[in-house]
N, C-alpha and C. Protein backbone atom coordinates (compact mmCIF):
# COMPACT_ATOMS: atom_id res chain seq x y z
N MET A 1 0.81 -1.18 0.00
CA MET A 1 0.00 0.00 0.00
C MET A 1 0.87 1.26 0.00
N ILE A 2 0.30 2.24 -0.69
CA ILE A 2 1.02 3.50 -0.77
C ILE A 2 0.58 4.38 0.39
N THR A 3 1.54 4.93 1.03
CA THR A 3 1.26 5.76 2.19
C THR A 3 0.74 7.13 1.77
N ASN A 4 0.21 7.83 2.72
CA ASN A 4 -0.27 9.20 2.46
C ASN A 4 0.87 10.11 2.02
N TYR A 5 2.05 9.84 2.50
CA TYR A 5 3.23 10.63 2.14
C TYR A 5 3.47 10.54 0.63
N VAL A 6 3.41 9.32 0.08
CA VAL A 6 3.65 9.12 -1.36
C VAL A 6 2.49 9.71 -2.16
N LYS A 7 1.26 9.51 -1.69
CA LYS A 7 0.10 10.06 -2.39
C LYS A 7 0.17 11.59 -2.45
N THR A 8 0.58 12.20 -1.38
CA THR A 8 0.71 13.65 -1.35
C THR A 8 1.75 14.11 -2.35
N HIS A 9 2.89 13.43 -2.41
CA HIS A 9 3.93 13.81 -3.36
C HIS A 9 3.50 13.59 -4.80
N ILE A 10 2.78 12.51 -5.04
CA ILE A 10 2.27 12.27 -6.40
C ILE A 10 1.30 13.38 -6.78
N PHE A 11 0.46 13.79 -5.85
CA PHE A 11 -0.48 14.88 -6.11
C PHE A 11 0.27 16.16 -6.46
N TYR A 12 1.32 16.47 -5.69
CA TYR A 12 2.09 17.68 -5.96
C TYR A 12 2.84 17.60 -7.29
N VAL A 13 3.35 16.43 -7.60
CA VAL A 13 4.04 16.25 -8.89
C VAL A 13 3.04 16.46 -10.03
N ALA A 14 1.83 15.89 -9.88
CA ALA A 14 0.80 16.08 -10.91
C ALA A 14 0.40 17.55 -10.99
N LEU A 15 0.28 18.21 -9.85
CA LEU A 15 -0.07 19.62 -9.83
C LEU A 15 1.02 20.46 -10.50
N ILE A 16 2.26 20.16 -10.23
CA ILE A 16 3.37 20.88 -10.87
C ILE A 16 3.39 20.62 -12.37
N ALA A 17 3.15 19.36 -12.76
CA ALA A 17 3.11 19.02 -14.19
C ALA A 17 1.98 19.78 -14.88
N MET A 18 0.81 19.86 -14.23
CA MET A 18 -0.30 20.61 -14.79
C MET A 18 0.06 22.10 -14.89
N GLY A 19 0.71 22.63 -13.88
CA GLY A 19 1.13 24.02 -13.91
C GLY A 19 2.10 24.29 -15.05
N LEU A 20 3.05 23.38 -15.23
CA LEU A 20 4.00 23.53 -16.34
C LEU A 20 3.28 23.47 -17.69
N LEU A 21 2.28 22.61 -17.80
CA LEU A 21 1.51 22.50 -19.03
C LEU A 21 0.78 23.81 -19.30
N PHE A 22 0.20 24.39 -18.25
CA PHE A 22 -0.48 25.68 -18.42
C PHE A 22 0.49 26.78 -18.81
N VAL A 23 1.64 26.81 -18.18
CA VAL A 23 2.65 27.83 -18.51
C VAL A 23 3.12 27.67 -19.95
N ARG A 24 3.35 26.43 -20.36
CA ARG A 24 3.78 26.19 -21.74
C ARG A 24 2.70 26.63 -22.73
N SER A 25 1.44 26.30 -22.42
CA SER A 25 0.33 26.70 -23.28
C SER A 25 0.23 28.22 -23.36
N TYR A 26 0.37 28.87 -22.22
CA TYR A 26 0.31 30.33 -22.19
C TYR A 26 1.45 30.94 -23.00
N MET A 27 2.65 30.41 -22.83
CA MET A 27 3.81 30.96 -23.55
C MET A 27 3.67 30.77 -25.05
N ALA A 28 3.16 29.60 -25.47
CA ALA A 28 2.98 29.37 -26.90
C ALA A 28 1.97 30.36 -27.48
N GLU A 29 0.88 30.57 -26.77
CA GLU A 29 -0.13 31.52 -27.22
C GLU A 29 0.43 32.94 -27.22
N HIS A 30 1.17 33.28 -26.19
CA HIS A 30 1.76 34.62 -26.10
C HIS A 30 2.73 34.86 -27.25
N ASP A 31 3.60 33.89 -27.52
CA ASP A 31 4.55 34.03 -28.62
C ASP A 31 3.83 34.18 -29.95
N GLN A 32 2.78 33.40 -30.14
CA GLN A 32 2.01 33.49 -31.38
C GLN A 32 1.35 34.86 -31.51
N ARG A 33 0.82 35.37 -30.43
CA ARG A 33 0.19 36.68 -30.44
C ARG A 33 1.21 37.77 -30.73
N VAL A 34 2.37 37.70 -30.12
CA VAL A 34 3.42 38.71 -30.35
C VAL A 34 3.88 38.67 -31.81
N LEU A 35 4.05 37.46 -32.35
CA LEU A 35 4.46 37.32 -33.74
C LEU A 35 3.39 37.88 -34.68
N ALA A 36 2.13 37.60 -34.39
CA ALA A 36 1.04 38.13 -35.22
C ALA A 36 1.00 39.65 -35.15
N ASP A 37 1.16 40.21 -33.97
CA ASP A 37 1.16 41.67 -33.83
C ASP A 37 2.33 42.31 -34.59
N ALA A 38 3.50 41.68 -34.52
CA ALA A 38 4.67 42.21 -35.24
C ALA A 38 4.45 42.13 -36.74
N THR A 39 3.85 41.04 -37.20
CA THR A 39 3.57 40.89 -38.63
C THR A 39 2.58 41.95 -39.10
N VAL A 40 1.56 42.19 -38.30
CA VAL A 40 0.55 43.19 -38.66
C VAL A 40 1.18 44.58 -38.70
N LYS A 41 2.02 44.90 -37.73
CA LYS A 41 2.66 46.22 -37.71
C LYS A 41 3.58 46.40 -38.91
N ALA A 42 4.34 45.37 -39.26
CA ALA A 42 5.23 45.46 -40.42
C ALA A 42 4.42 45.63 -41.71
N ALA A 43 3.33 44.89 -41.81
CA ALA A 43 2.50 45.00 -43.01
C ALA A 43 1.85 46.38 -43.10
N GLN A 44 1.41 46.91 -41.98
CA GLN A 44 0.80 48.24 -41.99
C GLN A 44 1.82 49.31 -42.38
N THR A 45 3.04 49.18 -41.91
CA THR A 45 4.10 50.12 -42.27
C THR A 45 4.37 50.05 -43.77
N GLN A 46 4.43 48.84 -44.31
CA GLN A 46 4.66 48.66 -45.75
C GLN A 46 3.51 49.26 -46.55
N VAL A 47 2.27 49.06 -46.10
CA VAL A 47 1.11 49.62 -46.80
C VAL A 47 1.18 51.14 -46.79
N GLN A 48 1.53 51.74 -45.65
CA GLN A 48 1.64 53.20 -45.58
C GLN A 48 2.73 53.72 -46.51
N THR A 49 3.85 53.02 -46.58
CA THR A 49 4.94 53.41 -47.48
C THR A 49 4.48 53.36 -48.93
N LEU A 50 3.81 52.28 -49.29
CA LEU A 50 3.33 52.14 -50.67
C LEU A 50 2.28 53.19 -51.00
N GLN A 51 1.41 53.51 -50.07
CA GLN A 51 0.42 54.55 -50.31
C GLN A 51 1.09 55.91 -50.50
N ALA A 52 2.13 56.18 -49.74
CA ALA A 52 2.87 57.43 -49.91
C ALA A 52 3.55 57.48 -51.27
N GLN A 53 4.08 56.34 -51.73
CA GLN A 53 4.70 56.29 -53.06
C GLN A 53 3.67 56.55 -54.14
N ILE A 54 2.47 56.03 -53.98
CA ILE A 54 1.41 56.25 -54.97
C ILE A 54 1.10 57.73 -55.07
N VAL A 55 0.97 58.39 -53.93
CA VAL A 55 0.67 59.83 -53.93
C VAL A 55 1.80 60.60 -54.60
N THR A 56 3.04 60.25 -54.30
CA THR A 56 4.20 60.93 -54.90
C THR A 56 4.23 60.74 -56.41
N GLU A 57 3.99 59.51 -56.85
CA GLU A 57 4.02 59.24 -58.29
C GLU A 57 2.87 59.93 -59.02
N GLN A 58 1.71 60.02 -58.38
CA GLN A 58 0.61 60.74 -58.99
C GLN A 58 0.96 62.22 -59.15
N ALA A 59 1.60 62.78 -58.14
CA ALA A 59 2.00 64.19 -58.21
C ALA A 59 3.05 64.41 -59.30
N GLN A 60 4.02 63.49 -59.40
CA GLN A 60 5.04 63.62 -60.44
C GLN A 60 4.43 63.48 -61.83
N ALA A 61 3.52 62.53 -61.99
CA ALA A 61 2.87 62.35 -63.29
C ALA A 61 2.05 63.58 -63.66
N ALA A 62 1.32 64.13 -62.71
CA ALA A 62 0.53 65.34 -62.97
C ALA A 62 1.44 66.51 -63.34
N GLN A 63 2.58 66.62 -62.68
CA GLN A 63 3.53 67.70 -62.97
C GLN A 63 4.10 67.54 -64.38
N THR A 64 4.46 66.33 -64.76
CA THR A 64 5.01 66.08 -66.10
C THR A 64 3.96 66.37 -67.17
N ILE A 65 2.74 65.92 -66.93
CA ILE A 65 1.66 66.16 -67.89
C ILE A 65 1.39 67.65 -68.02
N ALA A 66 1.40 68.38 -66.91
CA ALA A 66 1.19 69.83 -66.97
C ALA A 66 2.29 70.51 -67.76
N ALA A 67 3.53 70.05 -67.59
CA ALA A 67 4.64 70.65 -68.35
C ALA A 67 4.49 70.38 -69.84
N VAL A 68 4.08 69.18 -70.21
CA VAL A 68 3.89 68.85 -71.63
C VAL A 68 2.75 69.68 -72.21
N LYS A 69 1.66 69.80 -71.46
CA LYS A 69 0.53 70.59 -71.94
C LYS A 69 0.92 72.06 -72.09
N ALA A 70 1.75 72.56 -71.18
CA ALA A 70 2.20 73.95 -71.28
C ALA A 70 3.04 74.15 -72.54
N LYS A 71 3.88 73.17 -72.86
CA LYS A 71 4.69 73.27 -74.08
C LYS A 71 3.80 73.23 -75.32
N VAL A 72 2.75 72.42 -75.29
CA VAL A 72 1.84 72.33 -76.45
C VAL A 72 1.16 73.67 -76.67
N VAL A 73 0.79 74.36 -75.62
CA VAL A 73 0.13 75.66 -75.74
C VAL A 73 1.08 76.69 -76.34
N LEU A 74 2.36 76.61 -76.00
CA LEU A 74 3.32 77.60 -76.48
C LEU A 74 3.67 77.42 -77.96
N VAL A 75 3.52 76.23 -78.50
CA VAL A 75 3.89 75.98 -79.89
C VAL A 75 2.76 76.45 -80.80
N LYS A 76 3.05 77.45 -81.65
CA LYS A 76 2.02 78.03 -82.52
C LYS A 76 2.39 77.92 -84.00
N THR A 77 3.66 77.85 -84.30
CA THR A 77 4.09 77.84 -85.70
C THR A 77 4.82 76.55 -86.02
N PRO A 78 4.90 76.22 -87.33
CA PRO A 78 5.64 75.01 -87.70
C PRO A 78 7.11 75.05 -87.27
N ALA A 79 7.72 76.21 -87.32
CA ALA A 79 9.12 76.31 -86.92
C ALA A 79 9.28 76.01 -85.43
N GLN A 80 8.34 76.51 -84.62
CA GLN A 80 8.38 76.21 -83.19
C GLN A 80 8.14 74.71 -82.93
N ALA A 81 7.24 74.15 -83.72
CA ALA A 81 6.95 72.73 -83.57
C ALA A 81 8.17 71.88 -83.91
N VAL A 82 8.84 72.22 -85.02
CA VAL A 82 10.04 71.48 -85.40
C VAL A 82 11.10 71.62 -84.31
N ALA A 83 11.22 72.79 -83.74
CA ALA A 83 12.22 73.00 -82.69
C ALA A 83 11.83 72.26 -81.39
N ALA A 84 10.53 72.10 -81.14
CA ALA A 84 10.08 71.49 -79.88
C ALA A 84 9.93 69.98 -79.96
N ILE A 85 9.92 69.42 -81.15
CA ILE A 85 9.71 67.97 -81.29
C ILE A 85 10.77 67.14 -80.54
N PRO A 86 12.02 67.50 -80.51
CA PRO A 86 12.99 66.69 -79.76
C PRO A 86 12.69 66.60 -78.25
N ASP A 87 11.94 67.58 -77.71
CA ASP A 87 11.55 67.49 -76.30
C ASP A 87 10.53 66.38 -76.07
N MET A 88 9.75 66.07 -77.10
CA MET A 88 8.67 65.09 -76.97
C MET A 88 9.08 63.69 -77.41
N SER A 89 9.95 63.60 -78.40
CA SER A 89 10.29 62.28 -78.94
C SER A 89 11.60 62.35 -79.70
N SER A 90 12.17 61.18 -79.89
CA SER A 90 13.39 61.10 -80.68
C SER A 90 13.09 60.59 -82.10
N LEU A 91 11.83 60.61 -82.49
CA LEU A 91 11.44 60.15 -83.83
C LEU A 91 11.91 61.15 -84.89
N PRO A 92 12.20 60.66 -86.08
CA PRO A 92 12.55 61.58 -87.16
C PRO A 92 11.32 62.38 -87.60
N LEU A 93 11.56 63.48 -88.27
CA LEU A 93 10.47 64.36 -88.67
C LEU A 93 9.80 63.94 -89.97
N ASN A 94 10.26 62.87 -90.60
CA ASN A 94 9.72 62.44 -91.90
C ASN A 94 9.72 63.61 -92.89
N SER A 95 10.87 64.20 -93.04
CA SER A 95 10.98 65.36 -93.92
C SER A 95 10.90 64.93 -95.38
N ARG A 96 10.35 65.86 -96.20
CA ARG A 96 10.22 65.63 -97.64
C ARG A 96 10.80 66.85 -98.37
N PRO A 97 11.34 66.58 -99.54
CA PRO A 97 11.85 67.74 -100.30
C PRO A 97 10.68 68.63 -100.75
N ALA A 98 10.89 69.89 -100.61
CA ALA A 98 9.87 70.86 -101.04
C ALA A 98 10.16 71.29 -102.47
N PRO A 99 9.14 71.75 -103.19
CA PRO A 99 9.36 72.19 -104.58
C PRO A 99 10.34 73.36 -104.70
N ASP A 100 10.44 74.15 -103.64
CA ASP A 100 11.34 75.30 -103.71
C ASP A 100 12.76 74.95 -103.27
N GLY A 101 13.03 73.67 -103.03
CA GLY A 101 14.36 73.25 -102.66
C GLY A 101 14.56 73.11 -101.17
N GLY A 102 13.56 73.47 -100.37
CA GLY A 102 13.67 73.34 -98.93
C GLY A 102 13.15 71.98 -98.47
N VAL A 103 12.84 71.92 -97.24
CA VAL A 103 12.33 70.68 -96.65
C VAL A 103 10.99 70.99 -96.00
N THR A 104 10.03 70.09 -96.19
CA THR A 104 8.73 70.27 -95.54
C THR A 104 8.45 69.09 -94.61
N VAL A 105 7.80 69.43 -93.54
CA VAL A 105 7.33 68.41 -92.60
C VAL A 105 5.95 68.83 -92.12
N ASP A 106 5.16 67.87 -91.72
CA ASP A 106 3.87 68.18 -91.13
C ASP A 106 4.10 68.34 -89.63
N ALA A 107 4.59 69.49 -89.26
CA ALA A 107 5.09 69.69 -87.90
C ALA A 107 3.99 69.81 -86.85
N LEU A 108 2.96 70.61 -87.12
CA LEU A 108 1.95 70.81 -86.08
C LEU A 108 1.19 69.52 -85.76
N PRO A 109 0.66 68.80 -86.73
CA PRO A 109 -0.01 67.54 -86.38
C PRO A 109 0.94 66.53 -85.73
N LEU A 110 2.18 66.51 -86.25
CA LEU A 110 3.16 65.58 -85.68
C LEU A 110 3.45 65.95 -84.22
N TYR A 111 3.63 67.22 -83.96
CA TYR A 111 3.93 67.65 -82.60
C TYR A 111 2.74 67.38 -81.66
N THR A 112 1.54 67.67 -82.14
CA THR A 112 0.36 67.42 -81.32
C THR A 112 0.24 65.93 -80.98
N GLU A 113 0.45 65.11 -81.97
CA GLU A 113 0.39 63.65 -81.75
C GLU A 113 1.49 63.19 -80.80
N LEU A 114 2.67 63.71 -80.97
CA LEU A 114 3.77 63.34 -80.07
C LEU A 114 3.51 63.80 -78.64
N ALA A 115 2.92 64.97 -78.50
CA ALA A 115 2.60 65.47 -77.16
C ALA A 115 1.57 64.56 -76.49
N GLN A 116 0.56 64.16 -77.25
CA GLN A 116 -0.45 63.26 -76.69
C GLN A 116 0.16 61.90 -76.36
N CYS A 117 1.07 61.44 -77.19
CA CYS A 117 1.76 60.18 -76.91
C CYS A 117 2.59 60.28 -75.63
N LYS A 118 3.23 61.40 -75.44
CA LYS A 118 4.03 61.60 -74.23
C LYS A 118 3.14 61.61 -72.99
N ILE A 119 2.01 62.30 -73.09
CA ILE A 119 1.06 62.32 -71.98
C ILE A 119 0.57 60.91 -71.68
N ASP A 120 0.21 60.18 -72.71
CA ASP A 120 -0.27 58.81 -72.53
C ASP A 120 0.81 57.91 -71.94
N ALA A 121 2.04 58.10 -72.39
CA ALA A 121 3.13 57.26 -71.87
C ALA A 121 3.37 57.53 -70.39
N VAL A 122 3.35 58.81 -69.99
CA VAL A 122 3.55 59.15 -68.57
C VAL A 122 2.39 58.60 -67.74
N SER A 123 1.16 58.76 -68.24
CA SER A 123 -0.01 58.26 -67.51
C SER A 123 0.03 56.74 -67.39
N LEU A 124 0.42 56.08 -68.47
CA LEU A 124 0.51 54.61 -68.44
C LEU A 124 1.56 54.14 -67.45
N ASN A 125 2.71 54.80 -67.47
CA ASN A 125 3.77 54.43 -66.54
C ASN A 125 3.32 54.62 -65.09
N ALA A 126 2.67 55.74 -64.81
CA ALA A 126 2.19 56.00 -63.45
C ALA A 126 1.13 54.97 -63.05
N CYS A 127 0.23 54.65 -63.97
CA CYS A 127 -0.82 53.66 -63.66
C CYS A 127 -0.23 52.27 -63.46
N THR A 128 0.76 51.93 -64.24
CA THR A 128 1.40 50.62 -64.09
C THR A 128 2.07 50.50 -62.73
N GLN A 129 2.79 51.54 -62.34
CA GLN A 129 3.45 51.52 -61.04
C GLN A 129 2.43 51.50 -59.91
N GLN A 130 1.35 52.26 -60.05
CA GLN A 130 0.31 52.26 -59.02
C GLN A 130 -0.35 50.90 -58.92
N SER A 131 -0.58 50.28 -60.06
CA SER A 131 -1.19 48.96 -60.05
C SER A 131 -0.30 47.94 -59.34
N ALA A 132 0.99 48.00 -59.62
CA ALA A 132 1.93 47.09 -58.95
C ALA A 132 1.95 47.35 -57.45
N GLN A 133 1.92 48.61 -57.06
CA GLN A 133 1.94 48.94 -55.64
C GLN A 133 0.63 48.55 -54.96
N LYS A 134 -0.46 48.69 -55.66
CA LYS A 134 -1.74 48.25 -55.09
C LYS A 134 -1.75 46.74 -54.92
N ASP A 135 -1.14 46.03 -55.86
CA ASP A 135 -1.02 44.58 -55.70
C ASP A 135 -0.19 44.25 -54.47
N GLN A 136 0.87 45.02 -54.24
CA GLN A 136 1.69 44.80 -53.04
C GLN A 136 0.90 45.13 -51.78
N ILE A 137 0.07 46.17 -51.85
CA ILE A 137 -0.76 46.53 -50.70
C ILE A 137 -1.73 45.39 -50.40
N ILE A 138 -2.33 44.85 -51.44
CA ILE A 138 -3.26 43.74 -51.25
C ILE A 138 -2.53 42.54 -50.66
N ALA A 139 -1.33 42.27 -51.15
CA ALA A 139 -0.55 41.15 -50.61
C ALA A 139 -0.22 41.38 -49.13
N GLN A 140 0.12 42.62 -48.77
CA GLN A 140 0.42 42.92 -47.38
C GLN A 140 -0.84 42.78 -46.51
N GLN A 141 -1.98 43.19 -47.05
CA GLN A 141 -3.22 43.05 -46.28
C GLN A 141 -3.60 41.59 -46.12
N VAL A 142 -3.33 40.78 -47.12
CA VAL A 142 -3.58 39.34 -47.00
C VAL A 142 -2.66 38.76 -45.93
N THR A 143 -1.43 39.24 -45.88
CA THR A 143 -0.50 38.80 -44.83
C THR A 143 -1.02 39.19 -43.46
N GLU A 144 -1.55 40.41 -43.35
CA GLU A 144 -2.14 40.84 -42.08
C GLU A 144 -3.29 39.93 -41.69
N ILE A 145 -4.15 39.63 -42.64
CA ILE A 145 -5.32 38.79 -42.35
C ILE A 145 -4.89 37.42 -41.89
N LYS A 146 -3.89 36.86 -42.56
CA LYS A 146 -3.40 35.54 -42.15
C LYS A 146 -2.82 35.59 -40.75
N ALA A 147 -2.08 36.66 -40.46
CA ALA A 147 -1.48 36.79 -39.12
C ALA A 147 -2.56 36.93 -38.06
N LEU A 148 -3.60 37.66 -38.38
CA LEU A 148 -4.67 37.85 -37.40
C LEU A 148 -5.51 36.58 -37.22
N LYS A 149 -5.63 35.80 -38.27
CA LYS A 149 -6.39 34.56 -38.17
C LYS A 149 -5.65 33.51 -37.37
N LYS A 150 -4.34 33.62 -37.26
CA LYS A 150 -3.56 32.65 -36.50
C LYS A 150 -3.89 32.71 -35.01
N LYS A 151 -4.30 33.86 -34.54
CA LYS A 151 -4.63 33.99 -33.14
C LYS A 151 -5.93 33.23 -32.87
N PRO A 152 -5.89 32.27 -31.96
CA PRO A 152 -7.13 31.55 -31.67
C PRO A 152 -8.11 32.45 -30.94
N SER A 153 -9.38 32.17 -31.12
CA SER A 153 -10.39 32.98 -30.45
C SER A 153 -10.39 32.68 -28.96
N PHE A 154 -11.01 33.55 -28.21
CA PHE A 154 -11.04 33.39 -26.76
C PHE A 154 -11.72 32.09 -26.38
N LEU A 155 -12.82 31.77 -27.07
CA LEU A 155 -13.55 30.54 -26.77
C LEU A 155 -12.68 29.31 -26.99
N HIS A 156 -11.91 29.30 -28.09
CA HIS A 156 -11.02 28.16 -28.34
C HIS A 156 -9.94 28.04 -27.27
N ARG A 157 -9.44 29.18 -26.83
CA ARG A 157 -8.41 29.15 -25.78
C ARG A 157 -8.99 28.61 -24.47
N VAL A 158 -10.21 29.05 -24.14
CA VAL A 158 -10.85 28.59 -22.91
C VAL A 158 -11.13 27.09 -22.99
N VAL A 159 -11.68 26.64 -24.14
CA VAL A 159 -11.97 25.21 -24.30
C VAL A 159 -10.68 24.40 -24.21
N GLY A 160 -9.61 24.87 -24.84
CA GLY A 160 -8.33 24.16 -24.77
C GLY A 160 -7.81 24.08 -23.34
N THR A 161 -7.93 25.18 -22.62
CA THR A 161 -7.48 25.18 -21.23
C THR A 161 -8.34 24.25 -20.38
N LEU A 162 -9.65 24.27 -20.62
CA LEU A 162 -10.54 23.37 -19.88
C LEU A 162 -10.23 21.91 -20.17
N LYS A 163 -9.89 21.61 -21.41
CA LYS A 163 -9.49 20.23 -21.75
C LYS A 163 -8.25 19.84 -20.96
N ASN A 164 -7.27 20.73 -20.94
CA ASN A 164 -6.04 20.44 -20.19
C ASN A 164 -6.32 20.26 -18.71
N VAL A 165 -7.19 21.11 -18.16
CA VAL A 165 -7.54 20.99 -16.75
C VAL A 165 -8.27 19.67 -16.51
N GLY A 166 -9.18 19.33 -17.40
CA GLY A 166 -9.92 18.08 -17.26
C GLY A 166 -9.00 16.87 -17.29
N ILE A 167 -8.04 16.91 -18.20
CA ILE A 167 -7.08 15.81 -18.28
C ILE A 167 -6.26 15.74 -16.99
N GLY A 168 -5.85 16.89 -16.50
CA GLY A 168 -5.08 16.92 -15.26
C GLY A 168 -5.88 16.40 -14.08
N ILE A 169 -7.15 16.80 -14.01
CA ILE A 169 -8.01 16.32 -12.92
C ILE A 169 -8.22 14.82 -13.04
N GLY A 170 -8.43 14.35 -14.28
CA GLY A 170 -8.62 12.91 -14.50
C GLY A 170 -7.40 12.12 -14.07
N ILE A 171 -6.22 12.61 -14.45
CA ILE A 171 -4.98 11.92 -14.07
C ILE A 171 -4.82 11.95 -12.56
N GLY A 172 -5.12 13.08 -11.95
CA GLY A 172 -5.03 13.20 -10.50
C GLY A 172 -5.99 12.26 -9.80
N ALA A 173 -7.20 12.17 -10.33
CA ALA A 173 -8.21 11.29 -9.72
C ALA A 173 -7.79 9.83 -9.84
N LEU A 174 -7.24 9.47 -11.02
CA LEU A 174 -6.77 8.11 -11.22
C LEU A 174 -5.62 7.79 -10.26
N LEU A 175 -4.73 8.74 -10.11
CA LEU A 175 -3.60 8.50 -9.22
C LEU A 175 -4.04 8.37 -7.76
N VAL A 176 -4.98 9.21 -7.37
CA VAL A 176 -5.42 9.19 -5.97
C VAL A 176 -6.25 7.94 -5.68
N HIS A 177 -7.20 7.59 -6.55
CA HIS A 177 -8.10 6.48 -6.29
C HIS A 177 -7.51 5.16 -6.74
N GLY A 178 -6.69 5.18 -7.74
CA GLY A 178 -6.14 3.93 -8.27
C GLY A 178 -4.97 3.42 -7.47
N LEU A 179 -4.32 4.29 -6.77
CA LEU A 179 -3.13 3.85 -6.04
C LEU A 179 -3.47 3.58 -4.66
């Protein structure tokens, strides 16, 4: 027969084991929560950075477009258009010999078309970069969601703890009554 001395020590050993189990469970949950919070903070910082870049690129694109439009307004004559075409494009002027021995080009329509192409190219570039950054924002938000979903709900934590307590009580009862 086991004496009360041994039963008491077995009870305390079981109690200490249960306490260690609870501490381990708490630490695992705490570490997971800290990791999820750090992931969310990093993702939020990245999203804010990308949003700031979008605003900056929109401002730069608007500034470039305004400069191109201002140049288009200033060009009134074919000579001005021929002189301004290198600012818009590196395309040749498609010059043709003129009957008087000079050179003719369709400068105004060419310049207008090149200016519109430049505007479209700047807008496309800005939209492409914004689209890529929005994709990165979405990816960061998905990362945040995954990190937040990793945290178990309060009910799950309580049920898990109750299961552990129940197992500990069961083992304790078996040890006390079975021995």
